[in-house]
Amino acid sequence: MMNRSTQSGFSLIELLIALIIFSVGLLAVAGLQTVSKQANFEALQRTSASQIAHGLLEDMRVNGDGIDVYLAAGEMGGGNRGAEPAPNCSGAATCNAAQKAAHDLWFWEQMLDGNLEMNGNAGSGGLVLPTLCVNGPGGGGAGIYVVTVAWRGSASLTNNVGNACGGAGGNYGAGNEFRRIMQIPTYIDPTQ
């Protein structure tokens, strides 16, 4: 009777095949990590845009007498509002409605640009290449007011919305394919 030796352990080929399968799995996990980080950043940008738009709309609702100043703001973003207006209406200073509106617009542009979170001499928060626009009824009467926030996303989209806010600056690609837009509409009656 012949005694066959029983084989135990792994051969070198089996070990190499297992390593290849394991490395392919690790590459897939690394790819998922990249996609996850990109999606998380996009969600953070969208959340920031929403908070800024809602904050500005609340300031507009509270300061109904200055509604025409908000409407005349034009496109905001990139520091185009300049230095902080005087008086500083966020403290105990007495301000009229137009001064309060000017200070509100300056404050929300600082939030938009990330200048309230500094790292050295540069803003470290805010949105990527942001633009903010305010639209509402002509003459500032009661009606639907819309705050639109646009910013640059990290991936190209083919179904971009045709809103004009920030679309002419060239910051969002040749066909605005990197532009992200959030519009928050609300009814405001400045007389109440």
Protein backbone atom coordinates (compact mmCIF):
# COMPACT_ATOMS: atom_id res chain seq x y z
CA MET A 1 0.00 0.00 0.00
CA MET A 2 1.30 3.38 -1.02
CA ASN A 3 1.34 6.16 1.48
CA ARG A 4 0.46 9.48 -0.02
CA SER A 5 1.77 12.47 1.79
CA THR A 6 -0.96 14.90 2.75
CA GLN A 7 -0.39 18.43 1.67
CA SER A 8 -0.90 21.24 4.16
CA GLY A 9 -0.53 25.02 3.95
CA PHE A 10 -0.70 27.34 0.95
CA SER A 11 1.31 27.24 -2.18
CA LEU A 12 3.00 30.39 -3.45
CA ILE A 13 0.48 30.71 -6.29
CA GLU A 14 -2.47 30.55 -3.91
CA LEU A 15 -0.87 33.22 -1.76
CA LEU A 16 -0.31 35.52 -4.76
CA ILE A 17 -3.92 35.10 -5.91
CA ALA A 18 -5.17 35.95 -2.42
CA LEU A 19 -2.95 39.07 -2.32
CA ILE A 20 -4.25 40.22 -5.70
CA ILE A 21 -7.88 39.81 -4.59
CA PHE A 22 -7.16 41.64 -1.34
CA SER A 23 -5.39 44.53 -3.12
CA VAL A 24 -8.29 44.96 -5.57
CA GLY A 25 -10.62 45.19 -2.57
CA LEU A 26 -8.41 47.83 -0.93
CA LEU A 27 -8.35 49.88 -4.14
CA ALA A 28 -12.16 49.80 -4.24
CA VAL A 29 -12.30 51.00 -0.62
CA ALA A 30 -9.88 53.84 -1.44
CA GLY A 31 -12.06 54.86 -4.39
CA LEU A 32 -15.14 54.89 -2.19
CA GLN A 33 -13.30 57.10 0.31
CA THR A 34 -12.60 59.66 -2.43
CA VAL A 35 -16.22 59.67 -3.60
CA SER A 36 -17.40 59.95 -0.01
CA LYS A 37 -15.17 62.95 0.70
CA GLN A 38 -16.39 64.70 -2.45
CA ALA A 39 -20.05 64.09 -1.57
CA ASN A 40 -19.45 65.30 1.99
CA PHE A 41 -17.87 68.54 0.70
CA GLU A 42 -20.79 69.12 -1.69
CA ALA A 43 -23.25 68.59 1.18
CA LEU A 44 -21.33 71.05 3.37
CA GLN A 45 -21.45 73.67 0.60
CA ARG A 46 -25.21 73.15 0.14
CA THR A 47 -25.83 73.40 3.89
CA SER A 48 -23.81 76.62 4.13
CA ALA A 49 -25.69 78.13 1.18
CA SER A 50 -29.00 77.25 2.79
CA GLN A 51 -28.07 78.78 6.15
CA ILE A 52 -26.82 81.99 4.52
CA ALA A 53 -29.95 82.36 2.36
CA HIS A 54 -32.30 81.72 5.29
CA GLY A 55 -30.36 84.13 7.52
CA LEU A 56 -30.53 86.93 4.97
CA LEU A 57 -34.24 86.34 4.40
CA GLU A 58 -34.89 86.57 8.14
CA ASP A 59 -32.98 89.87 8.31
CA MET A 60 -35.06 91.14 5.39
CA ARG A 61 -38.27 90.08 7.13
CA VAL A 62 -37.28 91.87 10.34
CA ASN A 63 -36.14 95.04 8.55
CA GLY A 64 -39.07 95.60 6.18
CA ASP A 65 -38.46 99.36 5.97
CA GLY A 66 -35.05 98.69 4.36
CA ILE A 67 -36.30 96.14 1.82
CA ASP A 68 -35.38 98.39 -1.13
CA VAL A 69 -31.71 98.39 0.00
CA TYR A 70 -31.66 94.58 -0.04
CA LEU A 71 -33.19 94.52 -3.53
CA ALA A 72 -30.65 97.03 -4.88
CA ALA A 73 -27.65 95.00 -3.63
CA GLY A 74 -26.89 93.36 -6.98
CA GLU A 75 -24.63 90.32 -7.07
CA MET A 76 -22.74 89.81 -3.82
CA GLY A 77 -19.63 87.73 -3.22
CA GLY A 78 -15.89 88.07 -3.52
CA GLY A 79 -15.76 91.06 -1.17
CA ASN A 80 -17.54 93.50 -3.48
CA ARG A 81 -19.41 95.06 -0.53
CA GLY A 82 -16.11 96.47 0.73
CA ALA A 83 -15.30 97.34 4.33
CA GLU A 84 -17.78 97.11 7.17
CA PRO A 85 -20.28 99.96 6.92
CA ALA A 86 -20.57 102.49 9.72
CA PRO A 87 -22.27 102.46 12.09
CA ASN A 88 -21.83 98.84 13.14
CA CYS A 89 -25.49 97.89 13.47
CA SER A 90 -24.81 94.55 15.13
CA GLY A 91 -24.01 96.11 18.50
CA ALA A 92 -25.74 98.78 20.54
CA ALA A 93 -25.32 101.45 17.84
CA THR A 94 -28.47 103.20 16.67
CA CYS A 95 -29.17 102.55 12.98
CA ASN A 96 -31.94 103.47 10.60
CA ALA A 97 -33.47 100.85 8.29
CA ALA A 98 -31.13 101.58 5.36
CA GLN A 99 -28.02 101.41 7.56
CA LYS A 100 -29.23 98.13 9.10
CA ALA A 101 -29.84 96.67 5.64
CA ALA A 102 -26.38 97.75 4.43
CA HIS A 103 -24.78 96.15 7.49
CA ASP A 104 -26.83 92.96 7.04
CA LEU A 105 -25.71 92.68 3.41
CA TRP A 106 -22.08 93.20 4.40
CA PHE A 107 -22.34 90.58 7.18
CA TRP A 108 -23.91 87.94 4.95
CA GLU A 109 -21.32 88.55 2.26
CA GLN A 110 -18.63 87.96 4.89
CA MET A 111 -20.35 84.67 5.73
CA LEU A 112 -20.65 83.79 2.04
CA ASP A 113 -16.94 84.45 1.43
CA GLY A 114 -15.85 82.74 4.66
CA ASN A 115 -14.18 85.85 6.07
CA LEU A 116 -15.57 85.32 9.57
CA GLU A 117 -13.38 82.22 9.92
CA MET A 118 -9.78 83.26 9.43
CA ASN A 119 -6.68 81.12 8.98
CA GLY A 120 -3.80 83.56 9.05
CA ASN A 121 -4.89 86.43 6.81
CA ALA A 122 -7.23 84.40 4.61
CA GLY A 123 -10.83 83.34 5.07
CA SER A 124 -11.11 79.61 5.66
CA GLY A 125 -14.87 79.05 5.59
CA GLY A 126 -17.59 79.97 3.17
CA LEU A 127 -18.40 78.73 -0.28
CA VAL A 128 -16.18 78.19 -3.31
CA LEU A 129 -16.46 81.21 -5.66
CA PRO A 130 -19.85 82.30 -4.28
CA THR A 131 -22.43 84.70 -5.65
CA LEU A 132 -25.61 85.82 -3.89
CA CYS A 133 -28.57 87.62 -5.49
CA VAL A 134 -31.79 89.01 -4.01
CA ASN A 135 -34.93 89.34 -6.13
CA GLY A 136 -38.41 90.46 -5.24
CA PRO A 137 -41.35 92.61 -6.29
CA GLY A 138 -40.50 95.92 -7.88
CA GLY A 139 -40.74 98.78 -5.42
CA GLY A 140 -40.24 96.48 -2.44
CA GLY A 141 -43.90 95.71 -1.78
CA ALA A 142 -45.46 92.58 -0.35
CA GLY A 143 -44.74 89.43 -2.32
CA ILE A 144 -42.34 86.58 -2.94
CA TYR A 145 -38.67 87.38 -2.33
CA VAL A 146 -36.01 84.96 -3.52
CA VAL A 147 -32.42 84.68 -2.30
CA THR A 148 -30.28 82.77 -4.79
CA VAL A 149 -26.85 81.47 -3.82
CA ALA A 150 -24.52 80.13 -6.51
CA TRP A 151 -21.14 78.47 -5.94
CA ARG A 152 -18.65 76.27 -7.78
CA GLY A 153 -19.14 72.53 -7.40
CA SER A 154 -16.44 69.93 -7.83
CA ALA A 155 -18.01 67.92 -10.65
CA SER A 156 -19.50 68.90 -13.99
CA LEU A 157 -23.28 68.79 -14.46
CA THR A 158 -25.12 68.74 -17.76
CA ASN A 159 -28.55 69.92 -16.55
CA ASN A 160 -27.60 73.33 -15.20
CA VAL A 161 -30.43 75.68 -14.24
CA GLY A 162 -30.70 78.83 -16.37
CA ASN A 163 -30.72 81.29 -13.44
CA ALA A 164 -28.67 84.42 -14.14
CA CYS A 165 -27.15 84.78 -10.64
CA GLY A 166 -23.38 84.53 -11.04
CA GLY A 167 -23.62 83.04 -14.51
CA ALA A 168 -21.77 85.80 -16.37
CA GLY A 169 -18.57 85.81 -14.30
CA GLY A 170 -16.94 82.74 -15.84
CA ASN A 171 -16.25 81.26 -12.40
CA TYR A 172 -18.29 78.13 -13.05
CA GLY A 173 -16.84 76.85 -16.32
CA ALA A 174 -17.39 77.80 -19.94
CA GLY A 175 -21.02 76.64 -19.91
CA ASN A 176 -21.58 77.07 -16.15
CA GLU A 177 -21.33 73.28 -15.84
CA PHE A 178 -19.74 73.55 -12.37
CA ARG A 179 -22.31 76.01 -11.02
CA ARG A 180 -24.49 74.93 -8.13
CA ILE A 181 -27.55 77.02 -7.26
CA MET A 182 -29.81 77.16 -4.25
CA GLN A 183 -32.91 79.36 -4.35
CA ILE A 184 -34.93 80.05 -1.22
CA PRO A 185 -38.25 81.83 -1.83
CA THR A 186 -40.42 83.29 0.92
CA TYR A 187 -43.32 85.70 1.23
CA ILE A 188 -42.45 89.00 2.91
CA ASP A 189 -44.82 91.86 3.65
CA PRO A 190 -42.57 94.81 4.58
CA THR A 191 -45.48 96.64 6.21
CA GLN A 192 -45.90 94.03 8.94
